[in-house]
Amino acid sequence: MRLSVKALIAECVNAVVRKHYPGQYYSLCHVYAIVGSNLISIVNGHNFRPVAGLAAVDCGDGQLMLMADNSAFSCKEGGAFHCWIESVDDADSERQIVDLTFRHNHTYAEKNGFAWTLAPPPAFLWGLRSNIVLDATLERLPKNFPEGRVWLSETDAGAAWMTQQLLDHQNAFVVLTAEALTLFSHELLSSESNFNEI
């Protein structure tokens, strides 16, 4: 299977997270966001950052999975929030949004009591914010989302929590990023990848 660079990044991050956390990979959006933003920044030559906040995902049949508990950032056991990746230094252009956990939405939904009635989601979302994030408030979300769209909102509590995660687990994230970069570099040299798209 021939992969774009974006798809290869997504596959490498997913492989590393699933290897180290086989039983809980689908709920570790912050690990995907941190390792993914590191790898994307290295490969792309532009800065990307991990973001934490609130989210809503369409599970089908008018059922929205809300990950919108801002107080969860202060709970040791966590709760319903989400993490993703955003480009930075985009003064002249629109921010890019990357969600490397999108492939696991149906698994996460089913593990949390939601019936997933849509087709399996794509492996990742990566594009301009206006093409991915719904322009609405949490209170005025539509019952159904267009395919490949989500609702995301960074919060101050999420930003503080993400900063603390980076500080508390810096060494672990360095190891995971190095492993993802090694895997990416190995795959980059193989004949199975197509690099027409970054």
C-alpha atoms as a PDB file:
ATOM      1  CA  MET A   1       0.000   0.000   0.000  1.00  0.00           C
ATOM      2  CA  ARG A   2       1.408   3.374  -0.997  1.00  0.00           C
ATOM      3  CA  LEU A   3       1.101   6.075   1.649  1.00  0.00           C
ATOM      4  CA  SER A   4       1.315   9.850   1.573  1.00  0.00           C
ATOM      5  CA  VAL A   5       3.643  11.476   4.096  1.00  0.00           C
ATOM      6  CA  LYS A   6       0.607  12.506   6.165  1.00  0.00           C
ATOM      7  CA  ALA A   7      -0.685   8.940   6.226  1.00  0.00           C
ATOM      8  CA  LEU A   8       2.775   7.614   7.036  1.00  0.00           C
ATOM      9  CA  ILE A   9       3.068   9.984  10.004  1.00  0.00           C
ATOM     10  CA  ALA A  10      -0.359   8.875  11.232  1.00  0.00           C
ATOM     11  CA  GLU A  11       0.550   5.192  10.857  1.00  0.00           C
ATOM     12  CA  CYS A  12       3.879   5.574  12.676  1.00  0.00           C
ATOM     13  CA  VAL A  13       2.371   7.423  15.631  1.00  0.00           C
ATOM     14  CA  ASN A  14      -0.473   4.905  15.849  1.00  0.00           C
ATOM     15  CA  ALA A  15       1.947   1.965  15.742  1.00  0.00           C
ATOM     16  CA  VAL A  16       4.094   3.371  18.555  1.00  0.00           C
ATOM     17  CA  VAL A  17       1.158   4.259  20.819  1.00  0.00           C
ATOM     18  CA  ARG A  18      -0.522   0.882  20.286  1.00  0.00           C
ATOM     19  CA  LYS A  19       2.751  -0.939  20.962  1.00  0.00           C
ATOM     20  CA  HIS A  20       3.279   0.766  24.313  1.00  0.00           C
ATOM     21  CA  TYR A  21      -0.382   1.012  25.386  1.00  0.00           C
ATOM     22  CA  PRO A  22      -2.195  -1.949  23.770  1.00  0.00           C
ATOM     23  CA  GLY A  23      -5.138  -1.899  26.157  1.00  0.00           C
ATOM     24  CA  GLN A  24      -5.833   1.814  26.308  1.00  0.00           C
ATOM     25  CA  TYR A  25      -4.557   3.312  23.029  1.00  0.00           C
ATOM     26  CA  TYR A  26      -8.035   4.466  21.958  1.00  0.00           C
ATOM     27  CA  SER A  27      -8.352   6.749  25.000  1.00  0.00           C
ATOM     28  CA  LEU A  28      -4.869   8.305  24.918  1.00  0.00           C
ATOM     29  CA  CYS A  29      -5.563  11.275  22.668  1.00  0.00           C
ATOM     30  CA  HIS A  30      -2.987  13.371  24.543  1.00  0.00           C
ATOM     31  CA  VAL A  31      -0.215  10.891  23.720  1.00  0.00           C
ATOM     32  CA  TYR A  32      -1.204  10.931  20.027  1.00  0.00           C
ATOM     33  CA  ALA A  33      -1.307  14.744  20.110  1.00  0.00           C
ATOM     34  CA  ILE A  34       2.084  15.172  21.784  1.00  0.00           C
ATOM     35  CA  VAL A  35       3.997  12.520  19.845  1.00  0.00           C
ATOM     36  CA  GLY A  36       2.192  13.482  16.641  1.00  0.00           C
ATOM     37  CA  SER A  37       2.895  17.201  16.967  1.00  0.00           C
ATOM     38  CA  ASN A  38       6.560  16.444  17.632  1.00  0.00           C
ATOM     39  CA  LEU A  39       6.870  14.165  14.601  1.00  0.00           C
ATOM     40  CA  ILE A  40       4.936  16.498  12.298  1.00  0.00           C
ATOM     41  CA  SER A  41       7.095  19.459  13.368  1.00  0.00           C
ATOM     42  CA  ILE A  42      10.287  17.508  12.657  1.00  0.00           C
ATOM     43  CA  VAL A  43       9.124  16.170   9.288  1.00  0.00           C
ATOM     44  CA  ASN A  44       7.279  19.274   8.103  1.00  0.00           C
ATOM     45  CA  GLY A  45       9.778  21.886   9.266  1.00  0.00           C
ATOM     46  CA  HIS A  46       6.941  23.972  10.753  1.00  0.00           C
ATOM     47  CA  ASN A  47       5.780  24.102  14.343  1.00  0.00           C
ATOM     48  CA  PHE A  48       2.739  22.135  15.427  1.00  0.00           C
ATOM     49  CA  ARG A  49       1.485  21.910  18.998  1.00  0.00           C
ATOM     50  CA  PRO A  50      -0.667  19.545  21.061  1.00  0.00           C
ATOM     51  CA  VAL A  51      -3.992  21.067  22.095  1.00  0.00           C
ATOM     52  CA  ALA A  52      -6.454  20.023  24.809  1.00  0.00           C
ATOM     53  CA  GLY A  53     -10.051  21.094  25.152  1.00  0.00           C
ATOM     54  CA  LEU A  54     -13.608  20.098  24.416  1.00  0.00           C
ATOM     55  CA  ALA A  55     -14.939  18.130  21.454  1.00  0.00           C
ATOM     56  CA  ALA A  56     -18.032  16.600  19.904  1.00  0.00           C
ATOM     57  CA  VAL A  57     -18.118  13.699  17.449  1.00  0.00           C
ATOM     58  CA  ASP A  58     -21.077  12.451  15.418  1.00  0.00           C
ATOM     59  CA  CYS A  59     -21.774   8.749  16.120  1.00  0.00           C
ATOM     60  CA  GLY A  60     -24.679   8.575  13.662  1.00  0.00           C
ATOM     61  CA  ASP A  61     -28.476   8.583  13.981  1.00  0.00           C
ATOM     62  CA  GLY A  62     -28.444  12.014  15.599  1.00  0.00           C
ATOM     63  CA  GLN A  63     -26.265  10.833  18.475  1.00  0.00           C
ATOM     64  CA  LEU A  64     -23.373  13.108  19.447  1.00  0.00           C
ATOM     65  CA  MET A  65     -20.547  11.962  21.686  1.00  0.00           C
ATOM     66  CA  LEU A  66     -19.666  14.999  23.771  1.00  0.00           C
ATOM     67  CA  MET A  67     -16.219  15.214  25.319  1.00  0.00           C
ATOM     68  CA  ALA A  68     -16.998  18.483  26.992  1.00  0.00           C
ATOM     69  CA  ASP A  69     -16.221  18.208  30.700  1.00  0.00           C
ATOM     70  CA  ASN A  70     -13.805  21.075  31.266  1.00  0.00           C
ATOM     71  CA  SER A  71     -13.610  20.176  34.972  1.00  0.00           C
ATOM     72  CA  ALA A  72     -12.077  16.808  33.989  1.00  0.00           C
ATOM     73  CA  PHE A  73      -8.729  18.529  33.487  1.00  0.00           C
ATOM     74  CA  SER A  74      -8.481  18.981  37.250  1.00  0.00           C
ATOM     75  CA  CYS A  75      -9.511  15.394  38.094  1.00  0.00           C
ATOM     76  CA  LYS A  76      -6.788  12.808  38.629  1.00  0.00           C
ATOM     77  CA  GLU A  77      -8.939  10.133  36.955  1.00  0.00           C
ATOM     78  CA  GLY A  78      -9.507  12.313  33.887  1.00  0.00           C
ATOM     79  CA  GLY A  79     -12.815  12.498  32.084  1.00  0.00           C
ATOM     80  CA  ALA A  80     -14.549  13.576  28.912  1.00  0.00           C
ATOM     81  CA  PHE A  81     -12.213  15.879  26.987  1.00  0.00           C
ATOM     82  CA  HIS A  82     -10.162  15.611  23.818  1.00  0.00           C
ATOM     83  CA  CYS A  83      -6.697  16.427  22.476  1.00  0.00           C
ATOM     84  CA  TRP A  84      -5.615  17.184  18.919  1.00  0.00           C
ATOM     85  CA  ILE A  85      -2.857  19.011  17.015  1.00  0.00           C
ATOM     86  CA  GLU A  86      -2.743  22.513  15.537  1.00  0.00           C
ATOM     87  CA  SER A  87      -0.190  24.353  13.453  1.00  0.00           C
ATOM     88  CA  VAL A  88       1.333  27.519  14.914  1.00  0.00           C
ATOM     89  CA  ASP A  89       2.938  30.605  13.380  1.00  0.00           C
ATOM     90  CA  ASP A  90       0.174  30.845  10.778  1.00  0.00           C
ATOM     91  CA  ALA A  91      -0.099  34.640  10.699  1.00  0.00           C
ATOM     92  CA  ASP A  92      -0.515  34.671   6.915  1.00  0.00           C
ATOM     93  CA  SER A  93      -2.630  31.539   6.546  1.00  0.00           C
ATOM     94  CA  GLU A  94      -5.308  29.488   8.230  1.00  0.00           C
ATOM     95  CA  ARG A  95      -4.341  27.029  10.960  1.00  0.00           C
ATOM     96  CA  GLN A  96      -4.117  23.339  10.164  1.00  0.00           C
ATOM     97  CA  ILE A  97      -5.918  20.849  12.406  1.00  0.00           C
ATOM     98  CA  VAL A  98      -4.688  17.276  12.804  1.00  0.00           C
ATOM     99  CA  ASP A  99      -6.478  14.520  14.725  1.00  0.00           C
ATOM    100  CA  LEU A 100      -4.504  11.278  14.639  1.00  0.00           C
ATOM    101  CA  THR A 101      -7.021   9.476  16.877  1.00  0.00           C
ATOM    102  CA  PHE A 102      -9.948   9.790  14.486  1.00  0.00           C
ATOM    103  CA  ARG A 103      -9.605   6.123  13.446  1.00  0.00           C
ATOM    104  CA  HIS A 104     -10.453   5.115  17.022  1.00  0.00           C
ATOM    105  CA  ASN A 105     -13.636   7.190  17.408  1.00  0.00           C
ATOM    106  CA  HIS A 106     -15.937   4.206  16.946  1.00  0.00           C
ATOM    107  CA  THR A 107     -13.973   2.123  19.477  1.00  0.00           C
ATOM    108  CA  TYR A 108     -13.916   4.960  22.012  1.00  0.00           C
ATOM    109  CA  ALA A 109     -17.641   5.560  21.483  1.00  0.00           C
ATOM    110  CA  GLU A 110     -18.590   1.910  21.958  1.00  0.00           C
ATOM    111  CA  LYS A 111     -16.387   1.579  25.065  1.00  0.00           C
ATOM    112  CA  ASN A 112     -18.242   4.564  26.522  1.00  0.00           C
ATOM    113  CA  GLY A 113     -21.789   3.403  25.827  1.00  0.00           C
ATOM    114  CA  PHE A 114     -22.465   5.013  22.441  1.00  0.00           C
ATOM    115  CA  ALA A 115     -23.750   3.008  19.496  1.00  0.00           C
ATOM    116  CA  TRP A 116     -21.633   3.830  16.425  1.00  0.00           C
ATOM    117  CA  THR A 117     -23.909   3.605  13.374  1.00  0.00           C
ATOM    118  CA  LEU A 118     -21.716   5.279  10.766  1.00  0.00           C
ATOM    119  CA  ALA A 119     -19.072   3.698   8.549  1.00  0.00           C
ATOM    120  CA  PRO A 120     -15.717   3.293  10.293  1.00  0.00           C
ATOM    121  CA  PRO A 121     -14.032   6.712  10.448  1.00  0.00           C
ATOM    122  CA  PRO A 122     -10.967   7.602   8.382  1.00  0.00           C
ATOM    123  CA  ALA A 123      -7.594   6.984   9.998  1.00  0.00           C
ATOM    124  CA  PHE A 124      -6.978  10.680  10.685  1.00  0.00           C
ATOM    125  CA  LEU A 125      -8.137  14.211   9.983  1.00  0.00           C
ATOM    126  CA  TRP A 126      -5.620  16.697   8.614  1.00  0.00           C
ATOM    127  CA  GLY A 127      -6.492  19.943   6.904  1.00  0.00           C
ATOM    128  CA  LEU A 128      -7.477  23.566   7.244  1.00  0.00           C
ATOM    129  CA  ARG A 129      -9.525  24.413  10.312  1.00  0.00           C
ATOM    130  CA  SER A 130     -12.452  25.648   8.195  1.00  0.00           C
ATOM    131  CA  ASN A 131     -12.641  22.244   6.468  1.00  0.00           C
ATOM    132  CA  ILE A 132     -12.614  20.193   9.685  1.00  0.00           C
ATOM    133  CA  VAL A 133     -14.020  22.133  12.645  1.00  0.00           C
ATOM    134  CA  LEU A 134     -17.701  23.072  12.777  1.00  0.00           C
ATOM    135  CA  ASP A 135     -18.302  26.765  13.364  1.00  0.00           C
ATOM    136  CA  ALA A 136     -20.815  26.560  16.208  1.00  0.00           C
ATOM    137  CA  THR A 137     -21.089  26.820  19.955  1.00  0.00           C
ATOM    138  CA  LEU A 138     -21.450  23.692  22.061  1.00  0.00           C
ATOM    139  CA  GLU A 139     -25.051  24.654  22.792  1.00  0.00           C
ATOM    140  CA  ARG A 140     -25.937  25.035  19.096  1.00  0.00           C
ATOM    141  CA  LEU A 141     -24.347  21.977  17.525  1.00  0.00           C
ATOM    142  CA  PRO A 142     -26.304  20.301  14.720  1.00  0.00           C
ATOM    143  CA  LYS A 143     -27.627  16.768  15.347  1.00  0.00           C
ATOM    144  CA  ASN A 144     -25.579  15.404  12.442  1.00  0.00           C
ATOM    145  CA  PHE A 145     -22.134  16.489  11.258  1.00  0.00           C
ATOM    146  CA  PRO A 146     -20.904  16.433   7.664  1.00  0.00           C
ATOM    147  CA  GLU A 147     -18.504  13.546   7.065  1.00  0.00           C
ATOM    148  CA  GLY A 148     -14.986  14.271   8.303  1.00  0.00           C
ATOM    149  CA  ARG A 149     -16.090  17.165  10.517  1.00  0.00           C
ATOM    150  CA  VAL A 150     -15.861  17.579  14.289  1.00  0.00           C
ATOM    151  CA  TRP A 151     -16.403  20.297  16.849  1.00  0.00           C
ATOM    152  CA  LEU A 152     -13.314  21.360  18.833  1.00  0.00           C
ATOM    153  CA  SER A 153     -12.680  24.117  21.354  1.00  0.00           C
ATOM    154  CA  GLU A 154      -9.437  24.687  23.248  1.00  0.00           C
ATOM    155  CA  THR A 155      -9.885  25.800  26.859  1.00  0.00           C
ATOM    156  CA  ASP A 156      -7.597  27.489  29.380  1.00  0.00           C
ATOM    157  CA  ALA A 157      -7.920  24.469  31.673  1.00  0.00           C
ATOM    158  CA  GLY A 158      -6.974  22.210  28.766  1.00  0.00           C
ATOM    159  CA  ALA A 159      -3.938  24.319  27.894  1.00  0.00           C
ATOM    160  CA  ALA A 160      -2.728  24.253  31.506  1.00  0.00           C
ATOM    161  CA  TRP A 161      -3.301  20.490  31.725  1.00  0.00           C
ATOM    162  CA  MET A 162      -1.410  19.856  28.480  1.00  0.00           C
ATOM    163  CA  THR A 163       1.523  21.953  29.683  1.00  0.00           C
ATOM    164  CA  GLN A 164       1.632  19.940  32.906  1.00  0.00           C
ATOM    165  CA  GLN A 165       1.549  16.645  30.965  1.00  0.00           C
ATOM    166  CA  LEU A 166       4.517  17.795  28.912  1.00  0.00           C
ATOM    167  CA  LEU A 167       6.450  18.746  32.033  1.00  0.00           C
ATOM    168  CA  ASP A 168       5.557  15.646  34.057  1.00  0.00           C
ATOM    169  CA  HIS A 169       6.234  13.089  31.316  1.00  0.00           C
ATOM    170  CA  GLN A 170       8.871  14.791  29.186  1.00  0.00           C
ATOM    171  CA  ASN A 171      11.267  11.836  29.094  1.00  0.00           C
ATOM    172  CA  ALA A 172       8.548   9.373  28.096  1.00  0.00           C
ATOM    173  CA  PHE A 173       7.398  11.633  25.253  1.00  0.00           C
ATOM    174  CA  VAL A 174      10.982  12.028  24.025  1.00  0.00           C
ATOM    175  CA  VAL A 175      11.344   8.231  23.892  1.00  0.00           C
ATOM    176  CA  LEU A 176       8.010   7.762  22.094  1.00  0.00           C
ATOM    177  CA  THR A 177       8.791  10.539  19.608  1.00  0.00           C
ATOM    178  CA  ALA A 178      12.233   9.074  18.883  1.00  0.00           C
ATOM    179  CA  GLU A 179      10.657   5.690  18.259  1.00  0.00           C
ATOM    180  CA  ALA A 180       8.041   7.188  15.923  1.00  0.00           C
ATOM    181  CA  LEU A 181      10.750   9.127  14.058  1.00  0.00           C
ATOM    182  CA  THR A 182      12.877   5.992  13.671  1.00  0.00           C
ATOM    183  CA  LEU A 183       9.892   4.083  12.300  1.00  0.00           C
ATOM    184  CA  PHE A 184       9.025   6.971   9.968  1.00  0.00           C
ATOM    185  CA  SER A 185      12.619   7.178   8.688  1.00  0.00           C
ATOM    186  CA  HIS A 186      12.711   3.438   8.068  1.00  0.00           C
ATOM    187  CA  GLU A 187       9.425   3.536   6.163  1.00  0.00           C
ATOM    188  CA  LEU A 188      10.536   6.636   4.261  1.00  0.00           C
ATOM    189  CA  LEU A 189      13.400   4.649   2.769  1.00  0.00           C
ATOM    190  CA  SER A 190      11.162   1.765   1.739  1.00  0.00           C
ATOM    191  CA  SER A 191       9.717   1.518  -1.758  1.00  0.00           C
ATOM    192  CA  GLU A 192       6.151   1.384  -0.461  1.00  0.00           C
ATOM    193  CA  SER A 193       5.681   5.095   0.230  1.00  0.00           C
ATOM    194  CA  ASN A 194       4.538   7.861  -2.108  1.00  0.00           C
ATOM    195  CA  PHE A 195       5.720  11.336  -1.189  1.00  0.00           C
ATOM    196  CA  ASN A 196       3.786  13.538  -3.594  1.00  0.00           C
ATOM    197  CA  GLU A 197       1.821  14.979  -0.677  1.00  0.00           C
ATOM    198  CA  ILE A 198       2.976  16.408   2.635  1.00  0.00           C
END
